[in-house]
């Protein structure tokens, strides 16, 4: 046999190795894409809650935010019976702690009716690969955190970053 070129077996082995590497890269990319999407949504929630809180403080008018599984509605007053000022669509399912779906900020920028433990807003599923997947609204601040794997959406089950 001539020493030039590749045999069919060598070619098949090389193609198989390339196929395995591509499959691994594709799996990692889809997980990274999901992780990035969840983290982006958490940052957006955090920024919108902080902005609403600051607007209440600067304008000296109470503001409200209402949560639903697929949207965040921001109101320019404490009255949620009127049309919202803006509606932000949330691409990932969202759950929150407590019976009420509303967060009210008073004229000092404090979240009224929230306990000192805070109100948690979490992105589903609980065991997602993101570095942070939750926002906790305390009476005087808003923080980002990571929910413990398999736990419910409660502020005491979230590790604040």
N, C-alpha and C. Protein backbone atom coordinates (compact mmCIF):
# COMPACT_ATOMS: atom_id res chain seq x y z
N UNK A 1 0.85 -1.19 0.00
CA UNK A 1 0.00 0.00 0.00
C UNK A 1 0.88 1.24 0.00
N UNK A 2 0.47 2.23 -0.71
CA UNK A 2 1.21 3.47 -0.86
C UNK A 2 1.03 4.32 0.40
N UNK A 3 2.03 5.00 0.87
CA UNK A 3 1.98 5.81 2.08
C UNK A 3 1.36 7.18 1.89
N UNK A 4 0.93 7.52 0.69
CA UNK A 4 0.35 8.83 0.43
C UNK A 4 -1.15 8.78 0.66
N UNK A 5 -1.71 9.86 1.25
CA UNK A 5 -3.16 9.98 1.39
C UNK A 5 -3.68 9.33 2.67
N UNK A 6 -5.01 9.30 2.78
CA UNK A 6 -5.68 8.75 3.96
C UNK A 6 -6.43 7.49 3.57
N UNK A 7 -6.55 6.59 4.53
CA UNK A 7 -7.39 5.43 4.28
C UNK A 7 -8.84 5.79 4.61
N UNK A 8 -9.76 4.99 4.19
CA UNK A 8 -11.18 5.23 4.43
C UNK A 8 -11.48 5.20 5.93
N UNK A 9 -10.85 4.33 6.66
CA UNK A 9 -11.06 4.23 8.11
C UNK A 9 -10.61 5.51 8.80
N UNK A 10 -9.46 6.03 8.43
CA UNK A 10 -8.97 7.28 9.02
C UNK A 10 -9.93 8.43 8.73
N UNK A 11 -10.44 8.49 7.53
CA UNK A 11 -11.37 9.55 7.15
C UNK A 11 -12.67 9.46 7.96
N UNK A 12 -13.20 8.25 8.14
CA UNK A 12 -14.43 8.05 8.92
C UNK A 12 -14.20 8.44 10.38
N UNK A 13 -13.06 8.10 10.94
CA UNK A 13 -12.76 8.45 12.33
C UNK A 13 -12.69 9.97 12.49
N UNK A 14 -12.05 10.65 11.58
CA UNK A 14 -11.94 12.12 11.64
C UNK A 14 -13.32 12.77 11.54
N UNK A 15 -14.15 12.30 10.62
CA UNK A 15 -15.50 12.85 10.46
C UNK A 15 -16.33 12.59 11.72
N UNK A 16 -16.20 11.43 12.34
CA UNK A 16 -16.94 11.11 13.57
C UNK A 16 -16.50 12.03 14.71
N UNK A 17 -15.21 12.27 14.84
CA UNK A 17 -14.71 13.16 15.89
C UNK A 17 -15.23 14.58 15.68
N UNK A 18 -15.21 15.06 14.46
CA UNK A 18 -15.74 16.41 14.17
C UNK A 18 -17.23 16.47 14.49
N UNK A 19 -17.97 15.43 14.15
CA UNK A 19 -19.41 15.39 14.45
C UNK A 19 -19.68 15.44 15.95
N UNK A 20 -18.91 14.72 16.73
CA UNK A 20 -19.09 14.73 18.19
C UNK A 20 -18.78 16.11 18.76
N UNK A 21 -17.70 16.72 18.30
CA UNK A 21 -17.35 18.07 18.78
C UNK A 21 -18.42 19.09 18.42
N UNK A 22 -18.99 19.00 17.23
CA UNK A 22 -20.07 19.91 16.83
C UNK A 22 -21.32 19.71 17.68
N UNK A 23 -21.64 18.46 18.00
CA UNK A 23 -22.81 18.17 18.85
C UNK A 23 -22.63 18.77 20.24
N UNK A 24 -21.45 18.63 20.81
CA UNK A 24 -21.17 19.20 22.13
C UNK A 24 -21.25 20.72 22.08
N UNK A 25 -20.69 21.32 21.05
CA UNK A 25 -20.73 22.79 20.92
C UNK A 25 -22.16 23.29 20.78
N UNK A 26 -23.00 22.58 20.03
CA UNK A 26 -24.39 22.97 19.86
C UNK A 26 -25.15 22.90 21.18
N UNK A 27 -24.94 21.85 21.96
CA UNK A 27 -25.61 21.72 23.26
C UNK A 27 -25.18 22.84 24.20
N UNK A 28 -23.89 23.14 24.24
CA UNK A 28 -23.41 24.21 25.10
C UNK A 28 -23.94 25.56 24.65
N UNK A 29 -24.06 25.79 23.35
CA UNK A 29 -24.57 27.06 22.85
C UNK A 29 -26.02 27.26 23.25
N UNK A 30 -26.86 26.23 23.14
CA UNK A 30 -28.27 26.39 23.49
C UNK A 30 -28.43 26.64 24.99
N UNK A 31 -27.61 26.01 25.82
CA UNK A 31 -27.67 26.27 27.26
C UNK A 31 -27.20 27.68 27.58
N UNK A 32 -26.14 28.12 26.92
CA UNK A 32 -25.65 29.49 27.14
C UNK A 32 -26.67 30.51 26.67
N UNK A 33 -27.37 30.21 25.59
CA UNK A 33 -28.39 31.11 25.07
C UNK A 33 -29.55 31.24 26.06
N UNK A 34 -29.98 30.12 26.65
CA UNK A 34 -31.06 30.14 27.65
C UNK A 34 -30.61 30.92 28.89
N UNK A 35 -29.40 30.65 29.34
CA UNK A 35 -28.85 31.35 30.50
C UNK A 35 -28.81 32.86 30.26
N UNK A 36 -28.34 33.25 29.09
CA UNK A 36 -28.25 34.67 28.75
C UNK A 36 -29.63 35.32 28.70
N UNK A 37 -30.62 34.62 28.16
CA UNK A 37 -31.98 35.16 28.09
C UNK A 37 -32.58 35.40 29.45
N UNK A 38 -32.37 34.47 30.38
CA UNK A 38 -32.90 34.61 31.74
C UNK A 38 -32.20 35.77 32.45
N UNK A 39 -30.88 35.85 32.33
CA UNK A 39 -30.15 36.93 32.98
C UNK A 39 -30.53 38.29 32.40
N UNK A 40 -30.77 38.36 31.11
CA UNK A 40 -31.21 39.61 30.48
C UNK A 40 -32.56 40.04 31.02
N UNK A 41 -33.48 39.08 31.18
CA UNK A 41 -34.80 39.42 31.71
C UNK A 41 -34.71 39.90 33.15
N UNK A 42 -33.86 39.29 33.96
CA UNK A 42 -33.69 39.72 35.35
C UNK A 42 -33.13 41.15 35.39
N UNK A 43 -32.13 41.43 34.55
CA UNK A 43 -31.56 42.79 34.50
C UNK A 43 -32.61 43.81 34.07
N UNK A 44 -33.45 43.44 33.12
CA UNK A 44 -34.50 44.34 32.64
C UNK A 44 -35.53 44.58 33.74
N UNK A 45 -35.95 43.53 34.44
CA UNK A 45 -36.88 43.69 35.57
C UNK A 45 -36.28 44.61 36.63
N UNK A 46 -35.03 44.35 36.98
CA UNK A 46 -34.34 45.15 37.98
C UNK A 46 -34.29 46.63 37.57
N UNK A 47 -33.89 46.87 36.32
CA UNK A 47 -33.78 48.25 35.84
C UNK A 47 -35.13 48.95 35.82
N UNK A 48 -36.18 48.25 35.40
CA UNK A 48 -37.51 48.86 35.34
C UNK A 48 -38.05 49.15 36.74
N UNK A 49 -37.82 48.24 37.68
CA UNK A 49 -38.27 48.47 39.05
C UNK A 49 -37.50 49.64 39.68
N UNK A 50 -36.20 49.70 39.45
CA UNK A 50 -35.39 50.80 39.98
C UNK A 50 -35.83 52.13 39.37
N UNK A 51 -36.09 52.14 38.06
CA UNK A 51 -36.51 53.37 37.40
C UNK A 51 -37.87 53.84 37.95
N UNK A 52 -38.80 52.91 38.13
CA UNK A 52 -40.11 53.27 38.67
C UNK A 52 -39.97 53.82 40.09
N UNK A 53 -39.13 53.19 40.88
CA UNK A 53 -38.87 53.65 42.25
C UNK A 53 -38.28 55.06 42.23
N UNK A 54 -37.31 55.30 41.37
CA UNK A 54 -36.69 56.62 41.28
C UNK A 54 -37.65 57.68 40.76
N UNK A 55 -38.51 57.30 39.81
CA UNK A 55 -39.50 58.25 39.31
C UNK A 55 -40.47 58.66 40.41
N UNK A 56 -40.86 57.71 41.26
CA UNK A 56 -41.74 58.04 42.39
C UNK A 56 -41.04 59.03 43.32
N UNK A 57 -39.77 58.84 43.55
CA UNK A 57 -39.00 59.72 44.43
C UNK A 57 -38.82 61.10 43.81
N UNK A 58 -38.41 61.16 42.55
CA UNK A 58 -38.11 62.44 41.90
C UNK A 58 -39.35 63.28 41.60
N UNK A 59 -40.44 62.63 41.22
CA UNK A 59 -41.66 63.37 40.88
C UNK A 59 -42.56 63.59 42.08
N UNK A 60 -42.23 62.95 43.20
CA UNK A 60 -43.04 63.03 44.43
C UNK A 60 -44.48 62.58 44.19
N UNK A 61 -44.62 61.56 43.32
CA UNK A 61 -45.92 60.96 43.05
C UNK A 61 -45.79 59.46 43.20
N UNK A 62 -46.75 58.82 43.85
CA UNK A 62 -46.67 57.36 43.97
C UNK A 62 -46.75 56.68 42.60
N UNK A 63 -46.08 55.56 42.47
CA UNK A 63 -46.08 54.78 41.23
C UNK A 63 -46.40 53.33 41.57
N UNK A 64 -46.93 52.61 40.61
CA UNK A 64 -47.25 51.20 40.81
C UNK A 64 -46.71 50.36 39.66
N UNK A 65 -46.41 49.12 39.99
CA UNK A 65 -45.98 48.13 39.02
C UNK A 65 -46.85 46.90 39.24
N UNK A 66 -47.35 46.34 38.16
CA UNK A 66 -48.19 45.15 38.25
C UNK A 66 -47.53 44.03 37.46
N UNK A 67 -47.50 42.84 38.06
CA UNK A 67 -46.85 41.68 37.45
C UNK A 67 -47.89 40.72 36.89
N UNK A 68 -47.55 40.10 35.78
CA UNK A 68 -48.32 38.96 35.28
C UNK A 68 -47.30 37.96 34.77
N UNK A 69 -47.77 36.77 34.42
CA UNK A 69 -46.84 35.72 34.01
C UNK A 69 -46.02 36.12 32.78
N UNK A 70 -46.57 36.98 31.93
CA UNK A 70 -45.87 37.32 30.70
C UNK A 70 -45.61 38.79 30.48
N UNK A 71 -45.91 39.64 31.49
CA UNK A 71 -45.72 41.08 31.28
C UNK A 71 -45.52 41.82 32.60
N UNK A 72 -44.90 42.98 32.49
CA UNK A 72 -44.72 43.91 33.60
C UNK A 72 -45.40 45.21 33.18
N UNK A 73 -46.39 45.65 33.95
CA UNK A 73 -47.12 46.87 33.63
C UNK A 73 -46.71 47.95 34.60
N UNK A 74 -46.32 49.10 34.07
CA UNK A 74 -45.86 50.22 34.90
C UNK A 74 -46.89 51.33 34.81
N UNK A 75 -47.33 51.82 35.99
CA UNK A 75 -48.36 52.86 36.07
C UNK A 75 -47.74 54.16 36.57
N UNK A 76 -48.22 55.28 36.05
CA UNK A 76 -47.68 56.59 36.43
C UNK A 76 -48.30 57.13 37.71
N UNK A 77 -49.15 56.35 38.33
CA UNK A 77 -49.75 56.73 39.61
C UNK A 77 -50.02 55.45 40.39
N UNK A 78 -50.60 55.58 41.57
CA UNK A 78 -50.93 54.41 42.37
C UNK A 78 -52.23 53.76 41.89
N UNK A 79 -52.93 54.40 40.97
CA UNK A 79 -54.20 53.90 40.45
C UNK A 79 -53.93 52.93 39.30
N UNK A 80 -54.23 51.64 39.52
CA UNK A 80 -54.01 50.64 38.48
C UNK A 80 -55.28 50.36 37.69
N UNK A 81 -56.34 51.13 37.94
CA UNK A 81 -57.58 50.96 37.18
C UNK A 81 -57.48 51.63 35.80
N UNK A 82 -56.52 52.50 35.63
CA UNK A 82 -56.32 53.18 34.35
C UNK A 82 -55.34 52.37 33.48
N UNK A 83 -55.16 52.80 32.26
CA UNK A 83 -54.21 52.12 31.36
C UNK A 83 -52.78 52.32 31.86
N UNK A 84 -51.95 51.30 31.75
CA UNK A 84 -50.56 51.45 32.20
C UNK A 84 -49.77 52.42 31.32
N UNK A 85 -48.78 53.04 31.93
CA UNK A 85 -47.88 53.94 31.20
C UNK A 85 -47.06 53.16 30.19
N UNK A 86 -46.60 51.97 30.59
CA UNK A 86 -45.87 51.10 29.67
C UNK A 86 -46.07 49.65 30.07
N UNK A 87 -45.97 48.78 29.07
CA UNK A 87 -46.08 47.33 29.28
C UNK A 87 -44.84 46.69 28.69
N UNK A 88 -44.14 45.93 29.51
CA UNK A 88 -42.93 45.25 29.07
C UNK A 88 -43.23 43.76 28.99
N UNK A 89 -43.05 43.19 27.82
CA UNK A 89 -43.29 41.76 27.63
C UNK A 89 -42.12 40.98 28.20
N UNK A 90 -42.43 39.92 28.95
CA UNK A 90 -41.40 39.08 29.56
C UNK A 90 -41.36 37.75 28.81
N UNK A 91 -40.26 37.43 28.14
CA UNK A 91 -40.21 36.22 27.32
C UNK A 91 -40.20 34.91 28.12
N UNK A 92 -39.69 34.95 29.35
CA UNK A 92 -39.64 33.74 30.17
C UNK A 92 -40.74 33.79 31.23
N UNK A 93 -41.34 32.63 31.59
CA UNK A 93 -42.39 32.63 32.61
C UNK A 93 -41.88 33.20 33.93
N UNK A 94 -42.72 33.97 34.59
CA UNK A 94 -42.35 34.65 35.82
C UNK A 94 -43.34 34.32 36.92
N UNK A 95 -42.84 34.06 38.12
CA UNK A 95 -43.68 33.85 39.29
C UNK A 95 -43.23 34.83 40.37
N UNK A 96 -44.09 35.06 41.36
CA UNK A 96 -43.74 36.00 42.42
C UNK A 96 -44.30 35.51 43.74
N UNK A 97 -43.73 36.08 44.78
CA UNK A 97 -44.09 35.72 46.14
C UNK A 97 -45.26 36.59 46.59
N UNK A 98 -46.20 35.97 47.29
CA UNK A 98 -47.30 36.74 47.87
C UNK A 98 -48.57 36.65 47.07
N UNK A 99 -49.65 37.13 47.68
CA UNK A 99 -50.97 37.05 47.07
C UNK A 99 -51.21 38.17 46.07
N UNK A 100 -50.59 39.31 46.28
CA UNK A 100 -50.83 40.45 45.39
C UNK A 100 -49.83 40.48 44.25
N UNK A 101 -50.30 40.94 43.10
CA UNK A 101 -49.44 41.03 41.93
C UNK A 101 -48.96 42.46 41.70
N UNK A 102 -49.06 43.29 42.72
CA UNK A 102 -48.79 44.72 42.58
C UNK A 102 -47.72 45.17 43.56
N UNK A 103 -46.85 46.07 43.10
CA UNK A 103 -45.86 46.70 43.97
C UNK A 103 -46.09 48.20 43.87
N UNK A 104 -46.30 48.84 45.02
CA UNK A 104 -46.56 50.28 45.07
C UNK A 104 -45.36 50.99 45.67
N UNK A 105 -44.89 52.04 45.00
CA UNK A 105 -43.81 52.87 45.51
C UNK A 105 -44.40 54.21 45.94
N UNK A 106 -44.11 54.63 47.17
CA UNK A 106 -44.65 55.90 47.67
C UNK A 106 -43.79 57.07 47.18
N UNK A 107 -44.11 58.27 47.65
CA UNK A 107 -43.42 59.48 47.19
C UNK A 107 -41.96 59.56 47.64
N UNK A 108 -41.57 58.70 48.56
CA UNK A 108 -40.17 58.63 49.00
C UNK A 108 -39.41 57.52 48.28
N UNK A 109 -40.08 56.83 47.36
CA UNK A 109 -39.44 55.74 46.63
C UNK A 109 -39.42 54.43 47.38
N UNK A 110 -40.12 54.36 48.49
CA UNK A 110 -40.17 53.12 49.28
C UNK A 110 -41.31 52.24 48.79
N UNK A 111 -41.06 50.94 48.78
CA UNK A 111 -42.10 49.99 48.38
C UNK A 111 -43.06 49.82 49.54
N UNK A 112 -44.26 50.35 49.38
CA UNK A 112 -45.27 50.24 50.43
C UNK A 112 -45.80 48.81 50.47
N UNK A 113 -46.29 48.41 51.61
CA UNK A 113 -46.94 47.12 51.81
C UNK A 113 -46.02 45.92 51.59
N UNK A 114 -44.73 46.12 51.49
CA UNK A 114 -43.79 45.00 51.37
C UNK A 114 -43.13 44.77 52.72
N UNK A 115 -43.00 43.50 53.08
CA UNK A 115 -42.38 43.19 54.37
C UNK A 115 -40.89 43.47 54.30
N UNK A 116 -40.25 43.52 55.45
CA UNK A 116 -38.80 43.75 55.49
C UNK A 116 -38.05 42.57 54.88
N UNK A 117 -38.70 41.40 54.76
CA UNK A 117 -38.08 40.24 54.11
C UNK A 117 -38.05 40.40 52.59
N UNK A 118 -38.90 41.28 52.07
CA UNK A 118 -38.93 41.53 50.63
C UNK A 118 -39.94 40.69 49.88
N UNK A 119 -40.21 41.10 48.65
CA UNK A 119 -41.10 40.37 47.74
C UNK A 119 -40.24 39.85 46.60
N UNK A 120 -40.26 38.54 46.40
CA UNK A 120 -39.43 37.91 45.38
C UNK A 120 -40.19 37.79 44.06
N UNK A 121 -39.47 38.05 42.97
CA UNK A 121 -39.96 37.83 41.61
C UNK A 121 -38.95 36.90 40.95
N UNK A 122 -39.40 35.73 40.50
CA UNK A 122 -38.48 34.70 40.01
C UNK A 122 -38.81 34.30 38.58
N UNK A 123 -37.78 33.94 37.85
CA UNK A 123 -37.91 33.44 36.48
C UNK A 123 -37.92 31.92 36.56
N UNK A 124 -38.84 31.30 35.86
CA UNK A 124 -38.95 29.84 35.82
C UNK A 124 -38.05 29.28 34.73
N UNK A 125 -37.61 28.05 34.83
CA UNK A 125 -37.79 27.08 35.89
C UNK A 125 -36.82 27.31 37.04
N UNK A 126 -37.08 26.67 38.18
CA UNK A 126 -36.29 26.90 39.39
C UNK A 126 -34.83 26.48 39.23
N UNK A 127 -34.55 25.41 38.53
CA UNK A 127 -33.18 24.93 38.41
C UNK A 127 -32.48 25.39 37.14
N UNK A 128 -32.73 26.60 36.71
CA UNK A 128 -32.14 27.08 35.45
C UNK A 128 -30.64 27.34 35.61
N UNK A 129 -29.90 27.40 34.48
CA UNK A 129 -28.44 27.55 34.56
C UNK A 129 -27.95 28.98 34.79
N UNK A 130 -28.82 29.95 34.88
CA UNK A 130 -28.41 31.35 35.00
C UNK A 130 -27.70 31.63 36.32
N UNK A 131 -26.82 32.61 36.32
CA UNK A 131 -26.11 33.01 37.54
C UNK A 131 -27.03 33.72 38.52
N UNK A 132 -28.04 34.40 38.00
CA UNK A 132 -29.08 35.02 38.82
C UNK A 132 -30.39 34.92 38.07
N UNK A 133 -31.47 34.67 38.82
CA UNK A 133 -32.77 34.46 38.19
C UNK A 133 -33.91 35.09 38.98
N UNK A 134 -33.59 35.96 39.93
CA UNK A 134 -34.62 36.53 40.79
C UNK A 134 -34.33 37.99 41.11
N UNK A 135 -35.41 38.71 41.39
CA UNK A 135 -35.33 40.09 41.86
C UNK A 135 -36.12 40.13 43.16
N UNK A 136 -35.54 40.73 44.20
CA UNK A 136 -36.24 40.88 45.48
C UNK A 136 -36.45 42.36 45.74
N UNK A 137 -37.72 42.74 45.97
CA UNK A 137 -38.07 44.13 46.25
C UNK A 137 -38.26 44.28 47.75
N UNK A 138 -37.36 45.02 48.38
CA UNK A 138 -37.45 45.35 49.80
C UNK A 138 -38.11 46.73 49.91
N UNK A 139 -38.54 47.12 51.10
CA UNK A 139 -39.16 48.45 51.22
C UNK A 139 -38.26 49.59 50.73
N UNK A 140 -36.95 49.49 50.91
CA UNK A 140 -36.07 50.60 50.54
C UNK A 140 -35.06 50.29 49.45
N UNK A 141 -35.07 49.09 48.88
CA UNK A 141 -34.11 48.75 47.83
C UNK A 141 -34.61 47.58 46.99
N UNK A 142 -33.96 47.40 45.85
CA UNK A 142 -34.24 46.28 44.95
C UNK A 142 -32.93 45.55 44.72
N UNK A 143 -32.93 44.21 44.86
CA UNK A 143 -31.71 43.42 44.72
C UNK A 143 -31.92 42.26 43.75
N UNK A 144 -30.82 41.81 43.14
CA UNK A 144 -30.82 40.65 42.24
C UNK A 144 -30.24 39.47 43.00
N UNK A 145 -30.78 38.26 42.74
CA UNK A 145 -30.27 37.07 43.40
C UNK A 145 -30.51 35.80 42.61
N UNK A 146 -30.12 34.68 43.21
CA UNK A 146 -30.27 33.35 42.60
C UNK A 146 -31.11 32.49 43.53
N UNK A 147 -32.18 31.93 42.99
CA UNK A 147 -33.04 31.04 43.76
C UNK A 147 -32.34 29.70 43.95
N UNK A 148 -32.46 29.14 45.14
CA UNK A 148 -31.87 27.83 45.41
C UNK A 148 -32.59 26.79 44.57
N UNK A 149 -31.85 25.83 44.02
CA UNK A 149 -32.39 24.84 43.09
C UNK A 149 -33.56 24.08 43.71
N UNK A 150 -34.65 24.01 42.98
CA UNK A 150 -35.82 23.25 43.41
C UNK A 150 -36.69 23.93 44.45
N UNK A 151 -36.36 25.14 44.85
CA UNK A 151 -37.12 25.84 45.88
C UNK A 151 -38.21 26.71 45.27
N UNK A 152 -39.17 27.07 46.13
CA UNK A 152 -40.24 27.96 45.69
C UNK A 152 -39.72 29.39 45.59
N UNK A 153 -40.52 30.25 45.01
CA UNK A 153 -40.14 31.65 44.86
C UNK A 153 -40.47 32.39 46.15
N UNK A 154 -39.54 32.41 47.07
CA UNK A 154 -39.70 33.11 48.34
C UNK A 154 -38.39 33.83 48.65
N UNK A 155 -38.49 35.01 49.23
CA UNK A 155 -37.29 35.82 49.46
C UNK A 155 -36.26 35.13 50.34
N UNK A 156 -36.71 34.26 51.26
CA UNK A 156 -35.75 33.56 52.12
C UNK A 156 -35.06 32.39 51.40
N UNK A 157 -35.51 32.05 50.20
CA UNK A 157 -34.91 30.97 49.42
C UNK A 157 -34.00 31.51 48.31
N UNK A 158 -33.72 32.81 48.35
CA UNK A 158 -32.92 33.45 47.31
C UNK A 158 -31.61 33.96 47.91
N UNK A 159 -30.51 33.62 47.27
CA UNK A 159 -29.21 34.12 47.67
C UNK A 159 -28.96 35.41 46.90
N UNK A 160 -28.83 36.51 47.65
CA UNK A 160 -28.64 37.83 47.03
C UNK A 160 -27.20 37.95 46.56
N UNK A 161 -27.03 38.43 45.32
CA UNK A 161 -25.67 38.62 44.75
C UNK A 161 -25.14 39.98 45.13
